[in-house]
Amino acid sequence: LIVVEGTIYPLLSRLKNDGLLSYEWRESTQGPPRKYYVLTPLG
């Protein structure tokens, strides 16, 4: 199911704005902190 970054980031933002996802910043051993997404109870 081939996707590109330009497709996935707006989708993640919309799902977050709809209350279906939340995220948490985490430090990475391979670069800058990463935003980890998780489903909310509503999600």
PDB file of all heavy atoms in Angstrom:
ATOM      1  N   LEU A   1       0.888  -1.166   0.000  1.00  0.00           N
ATOM      2  CA  LEU A   1       0.000   0.000   0.000  1.00  0.00           C
ATOM      3  C   LEU A   1       0.924   1.214   0.000  1.00  0.00           C
ATOM      4  O   LEU A   1       1.206   1.807   1.034  1.00  0.00           O
ATOM      5  CB  LEU A   1      -0.913  -0.008   1.228  1.00  0.00           C
ATOM      6  CG  LEU A   1      -1.995   1.064   1.257  1.00  0.00           C
ATOM      7  CD1 LEU A   1      -2.977   0.864   0.107  1.00  0.00           C
ATOM      8  CD2 LEU A   1      -2.743   1.023   2.575  1.00  0.00           C
ATOM      9  N   ILE A   2       1.445   1.527  -1.157  1.00  0.00           N
ATOM     10  CA  ILE A   2       2.507   2.509  -1.289  1.00  0.00           C
ATOM     11  C   ILE A   2       1.983   3.908  -0.971  1.00  0.00           C
ATOM     12  O   ILE A   2       0.970   4.350  -1.511  1.00  0.00           O
ATOM     13  CB  ILE A   2       3.121   2.466  -2.697  1.00  0.00           C
ATOM     14  CG1 ILE A   2       3.705   1.078  -2.939  1.00  0.00           C
ATOM     15  CG2 ILE A   2       4.162   3.552  -2.869  1.00  0.00           C
ATOM     16  CD1 ILE A   2       4.090   0.814  -4.369  1.00  0.00           C
ATOM     17  N   VAL A   3       2.671   4.578  -0.066  1.00  0.00           N
ATOM     18  CA  VAL A   3       2.331   5.947   0.297  1.00  0.00           C
ATOM     19  C   VAL A   3       3.619   6.759   0.380  1.00  0.00           C
ATOM     20  O   VAL A   3       4.702   6.218   0.507  1.00  0.00           O
ATOM     21  CB  VAL A   3       1.587   6.031   1.645  1.00  0.00           C
ATOM     22  CG1 VAL A   3       0.235   5.362   1.563  1.00  0.00           C
ATOM     23  CG2 VAL A   3       2.399   5.425   2.760  1.00  0.00           C
ATOM     24  N   VAL A   4       3.464   8.062   0.317  1.00  0.00           N
ATOM     25  CA  VAL A   4       4.593   8.969   0.462  1.00  0.00           C
ATOM     26  C   VAL A   4       4.343   9.864   1.657  1.00  0.00           C
ATOM     27  O   VAL A   4       3.219   9.980   2.139  1.00  0.00           O
ATOM     28  CB  VAL A   4       4.801   9.821  -0.814  1.00  0.00           C
ATOM     29  CG1 VAL A   4       5.205   8.941  -1.990  1.00  0.00           C
ATOM     30  CG2 VAL A   4       3.547  10.609  -1.153  1.00  0.00           C
ATOM     31  N   GLU A   5       5.400  10.501   2.127  1.00  0.00           N
ATOM     32  CA  GLU A   5       5.278  11.352   3.312  1.00  0.00           C
ATOM     33  C   GLU A   5       4.213  12.424   3.124  1.00  0.00           C
ATOM     34  O   GLU A   5       3.496  12.763   4.051  1.00  0.00           O
ATOM     35  CB  GLU A   5       6.624  11.993   3.628  1.00  0.00           C
ATOM     36  CG  GLU A   5       7.632  11.014   4.154  1.00  0.00           C
ATOM     37  CD  GLU A   5       8.955  11.655   4.514  1.00  0.00           C
ATOM     38  OE1 GLU A   5       9.017  12.891   4.652  1.00  0.00           O
ATOM     39  OE2 GLU A   5       9.930  10.911   4.662  1.00  0.00           O
ATOM     40  N   GLY A   6       4.106  12.953   1.920  1.00  0.00           N
ATOM     41  CA  GLY A   6       3.123  13.997   1.658  1.00  0.00           C
ATOM     42  C   GLY A   6       1.695  13.531   1.814  1.00  0.00           C
ATOM     43  O   GLY A   6       0.780  14.348   1.918  1.00  0.00           O
ATOM     44  N   THR A   7       1.489  12.238   1.831  1.00  0.00           N
ATOM     45  CA  THR A   7       0.155  11.666   2.031  1.00  0.00           C
ATOM     46  C   THR A   7      -0.100  11.356   3.492  1.00  0.00           C
ATOM     47  O   THR A   7      -1.178  11.625   4.022  1.00  0.00           O
ATOM     48  CB  THR A   7       0.011  10.359   1.215  1.00  0.00           C
ATOM     49  OG1 THR A   7       0.262  10.634  -0.149  1.00  0.00           O
ATOM     50  CG2 THR A   7      -1.370   9.759   1.380  1.00  0.00           C
ATOM     51  N   ILE A   8       0.897  10.809   4.166  1.00  0.00           N
ATOM     52  CA  ILE A   8       0.678  10.283   5.517  1.00  0.00           C
ATOM     53  C   ILE A   8       0.617  11.380   6.576  1.00  0.00           C
ATOM     54  O   ILE A   8      -0.186  11.306   7.501  1.00  0.00           O
ATOM     55  CB  ILE A   8       1.722   9.199   5.858  1.00  0.00           C
ATOM     56  CG1 ILE A   8       1.218   8.301   6.992  1.00  0.00           C
ATOM     57  CG2 ILE A   8       3.054   9.785   6.216  1.00  0.00           C
ATOM     58  CD1 ILE A   8       0.139   7.386   6.594  1.00  0.00           C
ATOM     59  N   TYR A   9       1.442  12.409   6.463  1.00  0.00           N
ATOM     60  CA  TYR A   9       1.465  13.437   7.504  1.00  0.00           C
ATOM     61  C   TYR A   9       0.146  14.204   7.618  1.00  0.00           C
ATOM     62  O   TYR A   9      -0.347  14.411   8.737  1.00  0.00           O
ATOM     63  CB  TYR A   9       2.660  14.378   7.311  1.00  0.00           C
ATOM     64  CG  TYR A   9       3.963  13.739   7.731  1.00  0.00           C
ATOM     65  CD1 TYR A   9       4.899  13.344   6.779  1.00  0.00           C
ATOM     66  CD2 TYR A   9       4.254  13.493   9.064  1.00  0.00           C
ATOM     67  CE1 TYR A   9       6.094  12.737   7.154  1.00  0.00           C
ATOM     68  CE2 TYR A   9       5.443  12.882   9.453  1.00  0.00           C
ATOM     69  CZ  TYR A   9       6.355  12.512   8.485  1.00  0.00           C
ATOM     70  OH  TYR A   9       7.522  11.902   8.862  1.00  0.00           O
ATOM     71  N   PRO A  10      -0.468  14.621   6.507  1.00  0.00           N
ATOM     72  CA  PRO A  10      -1.780  15.270   6.644  1.00  0.00           C
ATOM     73  C   PRO A  10      -2.837  14.336   7.241  1.00  0.00           C
ATOM     74  O   PRO A  10      -3.686  14.771   8.025  1.00  0.00           O
ATOM     75  CB  PRO A  10      -2.142  15.671   5.211  1.00  0.00           C
ATOM     76  CG  PRO A  10      -0.849  15.741   4.489  1.00  0.00           C
ATOM     77  CD  PRO A  10       0.026  14.698   5.128  1.00  0.00           C
ATOM     78  N   LEU A  11      -2.768  13.051   6.883  1.00  0.00           N
ATOM     79  CA  LEU A  11      -3.713  12.080   7.434  1.00  0.00           C
ATOM     80  C   LEU A  11      -3.526  11.947   8.942  1.00  0.00           C
ATOM     81  O   LEU A  11      -4.500  11.973   9.707  1.00  0.00           O
ATOM     82  CB  LEU A  11      -3.542  10.720   6.760  1.00  0.00           C
ATOM     83  CG  LEU A  11      -4.355   9.572   7.360  1.00  0.00           C
ATOM     84  CD1 LEU A  11      -5.845   9.843   7.253  1.00  0.00           C
ATOM     85  CD2 LEU A  11      -3.996   8.262   6.677  1.00  0.00           C
ATOM     86  N   LEU A  12      -2.279  11.838   9.401  1.00  0.00           N
ATOM     87  CA  LEU A  12      -2.020  11.744  10.839  1.00  0.00           C
ATOM     88  C   LEU A  12      -2.496  12.997  11.567  1.00  0.00           C
ATOM     89  O   LEU A  12      -3.080  12.908  12.653  1.00  0.00           O
ATOM     90  CB  LEU A  12      -0.526  11.506  11.089  1.00  0.00           C
ATOM     91  CG  LEU A  12       0.012  10.139  10.656  1.00  0.00           C
ATOM     92  CD1 LEU A  12       1.532  10.110  10.742  1.00  0.00           C
ATOM     93  CD2 LEU A  12      -0.599   9.018  11.475  1.00  0.00           C
ATOM     94  N   SER A  13      -2.273  14.154  10.976  1.00  0.00           N
ATOM     95  CA  SER A  13      -2.730  15.412  11.598  1.00  0.00           C
ATOM     96  C   SER A  13      -4.251  15.449  11.696  1.00  0.00           C
ATOM     97  O   SER A  13      -4.802  15.845  12.722  1.00  0.00           O
ATOM     98  CB  SER A  13      -2.251  16.619  10.784  1.00  0.00           C
ATOM     99  OG  SER A  13      -0.869  16.752  10.893  1.00  0.00           O
ATOM    100  N   ARG A  14      -4.929  15.029  10.636  1.00  0.00           N
ATOM    101  CA  ARG A  14      -6.393  15.031  10.656  1.00  0.00           C
ATOM    102  C   ARG A  14      -6.926  14.064  11.703  1.00  0.00           C
ATOM    103  O   ARG A  14      -7.846  14.393  12.472  1.00  0.00           O
ATOM    104  CB  ARG A  14      -6.944  14.674   9.281  1.00  0.00           C
ATOM    105  CG  ARG A  14      -8.459  14.779   9.216  1.00  0.00           C
ATOM    106  CD  ARG A  14      -8.997  14.532   7.834  1.00  0.00           C
ATOM    107  NE  ARG A  14      -8.604  13.270   7.252  1.00  0.00           N
ATOM    108  CZ  ARG A  14      -9.115  12.076   7.594  1.00  0.00           C
ATOM    109  NH1 ARG A  14     -10.019  11.995   8.543  1.00  0.00           N
ATOM    110  NH2 ARG A  14      -8.706  10.981   7.002  1.00  0.00           N
ATOM    111  N   LEU A  15      -6.342  12.863  11.773  1.00  0.00           N
ATOM    112  CA  LEU A  15      -6.783  11.887  12.770  1.00  0.00           C
ATOM    113  C   LEU A  15      -6.535  12.394  14.189  1.00  0.00           C
ATOM    114  O   LEU A  15      -7.351  12.171  15.093  1.00  0.00           O
ATOM    115  CB  LEU A  15      -6.084  10.543  12.552  1.00  0.00           C
ATOM    116  CG  LEU A  15      -6.462   9.791  11.275  1.00  0.00           C
ATOM    117  CD1 LEU A  15      -5.562   8.572  11.086  1.00  0.00           C
ATOM    118  CD2 LEU A  15      -7.921   9.390  11.290  1.00  0.00           C
ATOM    119  N   LYS A  16      -5.422  13.090  14.385  1.00  0.00           N
ATOM    120  CA  LYS A  16      -5.137  13.675  15.703  1.00  0.00           C
ATOM    121  C   LYS A  16      -6.141  14.768  16.024  1.00  0.00           C
ATOM    122  O   LYS A  16      -6.695  14.821  17.120  1.00  0.00           O
ATOM    123  CB  LYS A  16      -3.723  14.220  15.766  1.00  0.00           C
ATOM    124  CG  LYS A  16      -3.384  14.727  17.170  1.00  0.00           C
ATOM    125  CD  LYS A  16      -2.226  15.678  17.134  1.00  0.00           C
ATOM    126  CE  LYS A  16      -1.997  16.308  18.489  1.00  0.00           C
ATOM    127  NZ  LYS A  16      -3.083  17.168  18.927  1.00  0.00           N
ATOM    128  N   ASN A  17      -6.414  15.648  15.057  1.00  0.00           N
ATOM    129  CA  ASN A  17      -7.373  16.731  15.270  1.00  0.00           C
ATOM    130  C   ASN A  17      -8.782  16.210  15.517  1.00  0.00           C
ATOM    131  O   ASN A  17      -9.571  16.845  16.213  1.00  0.00           O
ATOM    132  CB  ASN A  17      -7.376  17.687  14.077  1.00  0.00           C
ATOM    133  CG  ASN A  17      -6.094  18.489  13.985  1.00  0.00           C
ATOM    134  OD1 ASN A  17      -5.350  18.626  14.959  1.00  0.00           O
ATOM    135  ND2 ASN A  17      -5.804  19.007  12.808  1.00  0.00           N
ATOM    136  N   ASP A  18      -9.092  15.041  14.957  1.00  0.00           N
ATOM    137  CA  ASP A  18     -10.397  14.407  15.185  1.00  0.00           C
ATOM    138  C   ASP A  18     -10.466  13.658  16.510  1.00  0.00           C
ATOM    139  O   ASP A  18     -11.494  13.083  16.847  1.00  0.00           O
ATOM    140  CB  ASP A  18     -10.725  13.441  14.045  1.00  0.00           C
ATOM    141  CG  ASP A  18     -11.024  14.153  12.734  1.00  0.00           C
ATOM    142  OD1 ASP A  18     -11.230  15.385  12.748  1.00  0.00           O
ATOM    143  OD2 ASP A  18     -11.043  13.474  11.680  1.00  0.00           O
ATOM    144  N   GLY A  19      -9.347  13.631  17.247  1.00  0.00           N
ATOM    145  CA  GLY A  19      -9.319  12.971  18.548  1.00  0.00           C
ATOM    146  C   GLY A  19      -9.113  11.464  18.472  1.00  0.00           C
ATOM    147  O   GLY A  19      -9.286  10.772  19.477  1.00  0.00           O
ATOM    148  N   LEU A  20      -8.735  10.958  17.293  1.00  0.00           N
ATOM    149  CA  LEU A  20      -8.576   9.512  17.134  1.00  0.00           C
ATOM    150  C   LEU A  20      -7.166   9.035  17.443  1.00  0.00           C
ATOM    151  O   LEU A  20      -6.954   7.860  17.734  1.00  0.00           O
ATOM    152  CB  LEU A  20      -8.956   9.104  15.705  1.00  0.00           C
ATOM    153  CG  LEU A  20     -10.372   9.513  15.264  1.00  0.00           C
ATOM    154  CD1 LEU A  20     -10.613   9.116  13.822  1.00  0.00           C
ATOM    155  CD2 LEU A  20     -11.418   8.913  16.184  1.00  0.00           C
ATOM    156  N   LEU A  21      -6.199   9.961  17.378  1.00  0.00           N
ATOM    157  CA  LEU A  21      -4.805   9.658  17.682  1.00  0.00           C
ATOM    158  C   LEU A  21      -4.269  10.655  18.685  1.00  0.00           C
ATOM    159  O   LEU A  21      -4.741  11.784  18.773  1.00  0.00           O
ATOM    160  CB  LEU A  21      -3.910   9.780  16.432  1.00  0.00           C
ATOM    161  CG  LEU A  21      -4.191   8.966  15.208  1.00  0.00           C
ATOM    162  CD1 LEU A  21      -3.151   9.280  14.135  1.00  0.00           C
ATOM    163  CD2 LEU A  21      -4.195   7.496  15.517  1.00  0.00           C
ATOM    164  N   SER A  22      -3.258  10.236  19.395  1.00  0.00           N
ATOM    165  CA  SER A  22      -2.457  11.164  20.181  1.00  0.00           C
ATOM    166  C   SER A  22      -1.004  10.803  19.888  1.00  0.00           C
ATOM    167  O   SER A  22      -0.730   9.806  19.224  1.00  0.00           O
ATOM    168  CB  SER A  22      -2.763  11.049  21.678  1.00  0.00           C
ATOM    169  OG  SER A  22      -2.433   9.765  22.160  1.00  0.00           O
ATOM    170  N   TYR A  23      -0.102  11.626  20.342  1.00  0.00           N
ATOM    171  CA  TYR A  23       1.307  11.323  20.109  1.00  0.00           C
ATOM    172  C   TYR A  23       2.139  11.748  21.297  1.00  0.00           C
ATOM    173  O   TYR A  23       1.711  12.514  22.157  1.00  0.00           O
ATOM    174  CB  TYR A  23       1.832  11.962  18.823  1.00  0.00           C
ATOM    175  CG  TYR A  23       1.839  13.467  18.816  1.00  0.00           C
ATOM    176  CD1 TYR A  23       2.875  14.182  19.411  1.00  0.00           C
ATOM    177  CD2 TYR A  23       0.825  14.173  18.209  1.00  0.00           C
ATOM    178  CE1 TYR A  23       2.886  15.558  19.403  1.00  0.00           C
ATOM    179  CE2 TYR A  23       0.824  15.554  18.190  1.00  0.00           C
ATOM    180  CZ  TYR A  23       1.859  16.244  18.791  1.00  0.00           C
ATOM    181  OH  TYR A  23       1.872  17.606  18.788  1.00  0.00           O
ATOM    182  N   GLU A  24       3.345  11.208  21.310  1.00  0.00           N
ATOM    183  CA  GLU A  24       4.314  11.496  22.364  1.00  0.00           C
ATOM    184  C   GLU A  24       5.682  11.627  21.710  1.00  0.00           C
ATOM    185  O   GLU A  24       6.052  10.815  20.858  1.00  0.00           O
ATOM    186  CB  GLU A  24       4.311  10.335  23.361  1.00  0.00           C
ATOM    187  CG  GLU A  24       5.378  10.382  24.401  1.00  0.00           C
ATOM    188  CD  GLU A  24       5.347   9.134  25.275  1.00  0.00           C
ATOM    189  OE1 GLU A  24       4.294   8.841  25.863  1.00  0.00           O
ATOM    190  OE2 GLU A  24       6.392   8.451  25.354  1.00  0.00           O
ATOM    191  N   TRP A  25       6.418  12.668  22.097  1.00  0.00           N
ATOM    192  CA  TRP A  25       7.782  12.839  21.590  1.00  0.00           C
ATOM    193  C   TRP A  25       8.712  11.932  22.374  1.00  0.00           C
ATOM    194  O   TRP A  25       8.622  11.861  23.598  1.00  0.00           O
ATOM    195  CB  TRP A  25       8.243  14.280  21.754  1.00  0.00           C
ATOM    196  CG  TRP A  25       7.618  15.219  20.778  1.00  0.00           C
ATOM    197  CD1 TRP A  25       6.573  16.065  21.017  1.00  0.00           C
ATOM    198  CD2 TRP A  25       7.995  15.423  19.421  1.00  0.00           C
ATOM    199  NE1 TRP A  25       6.273  16.777  19.881  1.00  0.00           N
ATOM    200  CE2 TRP A  25       7.139  16.406  18.891  1.00  0.00           C
ATOM    201  CE3 TRP A  25       8.968  14.856  18.602  1.00  0.00           C
ATOM    202  CZ2 TRP A  25       7.236  16.839  17.575  1.00  0.00           C
ATOM    203  CZ3 TRP A  25       9.064  15.288  17.292  1.00  0.00           C
ATOM    204  CH2 TRP A  25       8.202  16.261  16.792  1.00  0.00           C
ATOM    205  N   ARG A  26       9.610  11.242  21.660  1.00  0.00           N
ATOM    206  CA  ARG A  26      10.596  10.381  22.303  1.00  0.00           C
ATOM    207  C   ARG A  26      11.967  10.641  21.693  1.00  0.00           C
ATOM    208  O   ARG A  26      12.097  10.823  20.487  1.00  0.00           O
ATOM    209  CB  ARG A  26      10.254   8.913  22.090  1.00  0.00           C
ATOM    210  CG  ARG A  26       9.027   8.499  22.835  1.00  0.00           C
ATOM    211  CD  ARG A  26       8.955   7.004  22.879  1.00  0.00           C
ATOM    212  NE  ARG A  26       7.627   6.611  23.316  1.00  0.00           N
ATOM    213  CZ  ARG A  26       7.082   5.461  23.025  1.00  0.00           C
ATOM    214  NH1 ARG A  26       7.731   4.573  22.300  1.00  0.00           N
ATOM    215  NH2 ARG A  26       5.881   5.172  23.455  1.00  0.00           N
ATOM    216  N   GLU A  27      12.957  10.588  22.555  1.00  0.00           N
ATOM    217  CA  GLU A  27      14.335  10.723  22.080  1.00  0.00           C
ATOM    218  C   GLU A  27      14.673   9.522  21.206  1.00  0.00           C
ATOM    219  O   GLU A  27      14.181   8.420  21.414  1.00  0.00           O
ATOM    220  CB  GLU A  27      15.305  10.790  23.258  1.00  0.00           C
ATOM    221  CG  GLU A  27      15.179  12.063  24.082  1.00  0.00           C
ATOM    222  CD  GLU A  27      15.495  13.313  23.288  1.00  0.00           C
ATOM    223  OE1 GLU A  27      16.412  13.276  22.426  1.00  0.00           O
ATOM    224  OE2 GLU A  27      14.822  14.332  23.496  1.00  0.00           O
ATOM    225  N   SER A  28      15.532   9.759  20.223  1.00  0.00           N
ATOM    226  CA  SER A  28      15.963   8.707  19.318  1.00  0.00           C
ATOM    227  C   SER A  28      17.471   8.545  19.418  1.00  0.00           C
ATOM    228  O   SER A  28      18.191   9.522  19.587  1.00  0.00           O
ATOM    229  CB  SER A  28      15.578   9.068  17.878  1.00  0.00           C
ATOM    230  OG  SER A  28      16.166   8.172  16.972  1.00  0.00           O
ATOM    231  N   THR A  29      17.920   7.327  19.289  1.00  0.00           N
ATOM    232  CA  THR A  29      19.367   7.083  19.284  1.00  0.00           C
ATOM    233  C   THR A  29      19.965   7.379  17.914  1.00  0.00           C
ATOM    234  O   THR A  29      21.177   7.404  17.763  1.00  0.00           O
ATOM    235  CB  THR A  29      19.663   5.609  19.644  1.00  0.00           C
ATOM    236  OG1 THR A  29      19.011   4.771  18.687  1.00  0.00           O
ATOM    237  CG2 THR A  29      19.187   5.287  21.042  1.00  0.00           C
ATOM    238  N   GLN A  30      19.112   7.612  16.917  1.00  0.00           N
ATOM    239  CA  GLN A  30      19.581   7.811  15.548  1.00  0.00           C
ATOM    240  C   GLN A  30      19.163   9.161  14.975  1.00  0.00           C
ATOM    241  O   GLN A  30      18.826   9.262  13.805  1.00  0.00           O
ATOM    242  CB  GLN A  30      19.037   6.705  14.645  1.00  0.00           C
ATOM    243  CG  GLN A  30      19.456   5.339  15.097  1.00  0.00           C
ATOM    244  CD  GLN A  30      18.826   4.241  14.257  1.00  0.00           C
ATOM    245  OE1 GLN A  30      17.909   4.486  13.512  1.00  0.00           O
ATOM    246  NE2 GLN A  30      19.334   3.036  14.391  1.00  0.00           N
ATOM    247  N   GLY A  31      19.147  10.198  15.770  1.00  0.00           N
ATOM    248  CA  GLY A  31      18.787  11.509  15.245  1.00  0.00           C
ATOM    249  C   GLY A  31      17.891  12.273  16.202  1.00  0.00           C
ATOM    250  O   GLY A  31      17.916  12.055  17.412  1.00  0.00           O
ATOM    251  N   PRO A  32      17.082  13.166  15.638  1.00  0.00           N
ATOM    252  CA  PRO A  32      16.224  14.009  16.476  1.00  0.00           C
ATOM    253  C   PRO A  32      15.101  13.207  17.135  1.00  0.00           C
ATOM    254  O   PRO A  32      14.841  12.066  16.742  1.00  0.00           O
ATOM    255  CB  PRO A  32      15.660  15.025  15.479  1.00  0.00           C
ATOM    256  CG  PRO A  32      15.734  14.356  14.160  1.00  0.00           C
ATOM    257  CD  PRO A  32      16.930  13.446  14.216  1.00  0.00           C
ATOM    258  N   PRO A  33      14.423  13.809  18.116  1.00  0.00           N
ATOM    259  CA  PRO A  33      13.291  13.124  18.748  1.00  0.00           C
ATOM    260  C   PRO A  33      12.236  12.742  17.708  1.00  0.00           C
ATOM    261  O   PRO A  33      12.096  13.408  16.683  1.00  0.00           O
ATOM    262  CB  PRO A  33      12.739  14.151  19.731  1.00  0.00           C
ATOM    263  CG  PRO A  33      13.844  15.108  19.948  1.00  0.00           C
ATOM    264  CD  PRO A  33      14.643  15.132  18.685  1.00  0.00           C
ATOM    265  N   ARG A  34      11.505  11.689  17.995  1.00  0.00           N
ATOM    266  CA  ARG A  34      10.471  11.195  17.088  1.00  0.00           C
ATOM    267  C   ARG A  34       9.106  11.304  17.748  1.00  0.00           C
ATOM    268  O   ARG A  34       8.962  11.117  18.949  1.00  0.00           O
ATOM    269  CB  ARG A  34      10.736   9.742  16.713  1.00  0.00           C
ATOM    270  CG  ARG A  34      11.986   9.558  15.916  1.00  0.00           C
ATOM    271  CD  ARG A  34      12.227   8.114  15.609  1.00  0.00           C
ATOM    272  NE  ARG A  34      13.395   7.959  14.756  1.00  0.00           N
ATOM    273  CZ  ARG A  34      13.952   6.810  14.493  1.00  0.00           C
ATOM    274  NH1 ARG A  34      13.466   5.706  15.020  1.00  0.00           N
ATOM    275  NH2 ARG A  34      15.006   6.741  13.703  1.00  0.00           N
ATOM    276  N   LYS A  35       8.111  11.553  16.919  1.00  0.00           N
ATOM    277  CA  LYS A  35       6.731  11.647  17.365  1.00  0.00           C
ATOM    278  C   LYS A  35       6.088  10.273  17.191  1.00  0.00           C
ATOM    279  O   LYS A  35       5.901   9.804  16.073  1.00  0.00           O
ATOM    280  CB  LYS A  35       6.006  12.689  16.513  1.00  0.00           C
ATOM    281  CG  LYS A  35       4.689  13.143  17.071  1.00  0.00           C
ATOM    282  CD  LYS A  35       3.974  14.088  16.108  1.00  0.00           C
ATOM    283  CE  LYS A  35       4.587  15.453  16.067  1.00  0.00           C
ATOM    284  NZ  LYS A  35       3.750  16.401  15.281  1.00  0.00           N
ATOM    285  N   TYR A  36       5.773   9.605  18.300  1.00  0.00           N
ATOM    286  CA  TYR A  36       5.135   8.291  18.260  1.00  0.00           C
ATOM    287  C   TYR A  36       3.629   8.452  18.413  1.00  0.00           C
ATOM    288  O   TYR A  36       3.155   9.086  19.359  1.00  0.00           O
ATOM    289  CB  TYR A  36       5.673   7.382  19.371  1.00  0.00           C
ATOM    290  CG  TYR A  36       6.987   6.757  19.013  1.00  0.00           C
ATOM    291  CD1 TYR A  36       8.178   7.459  19.114  1.00  0.00           C
ATOM    292  CD2 TYR A  36       7.034   5.445  18.546  1.00  0.00           C
ATOM    293  CE1 TYR A  36       9.389   6.884  18.770  1.00  0.00           C
ATOM    294  CE2 TYR A  36       8.243   4.860  18.200  1.00  0.00           C
ATOM    295  CZ  TYR A  36       9.407   5.580  18.316  1.00  0.00           C
ATOM    296  OH  TYR A  36      10.599   5.010  17.973  1.00  0.00           O
ATOM    297  N   TYR A  37       2.893   7.859  17.483  1.00  0.00           N
ATOM    298  CA  TYR A  37       1.434   7.951  17.456  1.00  0.00           C
ATOM    299  C   TYR A  37       0.812   6.716  18.090  1.00  0.00           C
ATOM    300  O   TYR A  37       1.333   5.614  17.983  1.00  0.00           O
ATOM    301  CB  TYR A  37       0.931   8.077  16.019  1.00  0.00           C
ATOM    302  CG  TYR A  37       1.310   9.381  15.377  1.00  0.00           C
ATOM    303  CD1 TYR A  37       2.516   9.520  14.699  1.00  0.00           C
ATOM    304  CD2 TYR A  37       0.475  10.485  15.466  1.00  0.00           C
ATOM    305  CE1 TYR A  37       2.872  10.723  14.108  1.00  0.00           C
ATOM    306  CE2 TYR A  37       0.825  11.688  14.875  1.00  0.00           C
ATOM    307  CZ  TYR A  37       2.021  11.798  14.199  1.00  0.00           C
ATOM    308  OH  TYR A  37       2.368  12.980  13.622  1.00  0.00           O
ATOM    309  N   VAL A  38      -0.336   6.928  18.720  1.00  0.00           N
ATOM    310  CA  VAL A  38      -1.095   5.842  19.340  1.00  0.00           C
ATOM    311  C   VAL A  38      -2.581   6.169  19.198  1.00  0.00           C
ATOM    312  O   VAL A  38      -2.969   7.345  19.163  1.00  0.00           O
ATOM    313  CB  VAL A  38      -0.688   5.665  20.828  1.00  0.00           C
ATOM    314  CG1 VAL A  38      -1.032   6.884  21.647  1.00  0.00           C
ATOM    315  CG2 VAL A  38      -1.306   4.424  21.415  1.00  0.00           C
ATOM    316  N   LEU A  39      -3.409   5.138  19.096  1.00  0.00           N
ATOM    317  CA  LEU A  39      -4.854   5.354  19.050  1.00  0.00           C
ATOM    318  C   LEU A  39      -5.356   5.781  20.421  1.00  0.00           C
ATOM    319  O   LEU A  39      -4.929   5.252  21.442  1.00  0.00           O
ATOM    320  CB  LEU A  39      -5.583   4.074  18.649  1.00  0.00           C
ATOM    321  CG  LEU A  39      -5.523   3.630  17.192  1.00  0.00           C
ATOM    322  CD1 LEU A  39      -6.310   2.331  17.010  1.00  0.00           C
ATOM    323  CD2 LEU A  39      -6.045   4.694  16.264  1.00  0.00           C
ATOM    324  N   THR A  40      -6.277   6.709  20.426  1.00  0.00           N
ATOM    325  CA  THR A  40      -6.954   7.103  21.655  1.00  0.00           C
ATOM    326  C   THR A  40      -8.126   6.138  21.879  1.00  0.00           C
ATOM    327  O   THR A  40      -8.458   5.351  20.983  1.00  0.00           O
ATOM    328  CB  THR A  40      -7.507   8.538  21.528  1.00  0.00           C
ATOM    329  OG1 THR A  40      -8.486   8.549  20.477  1.00  0.00           O
ATOM    330  CG2 THR A  40      -6.401   9.546  21.251  1.00  0.00           C
ATOM    331  N   PRO A  41      -8.777   6.197  23.034  1.00  0.00           N
ATOM    332  CA  PRO A  41      -9.983   5.378  23.212  1.00  0.00           C
ATOM    333  C   PRO A  41     -11.042   5.658  22.135  1.00  0.00           C
ATOM    334  O   PRO A  41     -11.680   4.726  21.635  1.00  0.00           O
ATOM    335  CB  PRO A  41     -10.472   5.771  24.612  1.00  0.00           C
ATOM    336  CG  PRO A  41      -9.210   6.131  25.340  1.00  0.00           C
ATOM    337  CD  PRO A  41      -8.369   6.835  24.303  1.00  0.00           C
ATOM    338  N   LEU A  42     -11.196   6.922  21.753  1.00  0.00           N
ATOM    339  CA  LEU A  42     -12.124   7.260  20.672  1.00  0.00           C
ATOM    340  C   LEU A  42     -11.658   6.635  19.353  1.00  0.00           C
ATOM    341  O   LEU A  42     -12.470   6.152  18.550  1.00  0.00           O
ATOM    342  CB  LEU A  42     -12.248   8.779  20.533  1.00  0.00           C
ATOM    343  CG  LEU A  42     -13.225   9.281  19.473  1.00  0.00           C
ATOM    344  CD1 LEU A  42     -14.639   8.797  19.762  1.00  0.00           C
ATOM    345  CD2 LEU A  42     -13.176  10.808  19.409  1.00  0.00           C
ATOM    346  N   GLY A  43     -10.354   6.612  19.131  1.00  0.00           N
ATOM    347  CA  GLY A  43      -9.804   5.972  17.939  1.00  0.00           C
ATOM    348  C   GLY A  43     -10.070   4.481  17.925  1.00  0.00           C
ATOM    349  O   GLY A  43     -10.368   3.898  16.875  1.00  0.00           O
TER     350      GLY A  43
END
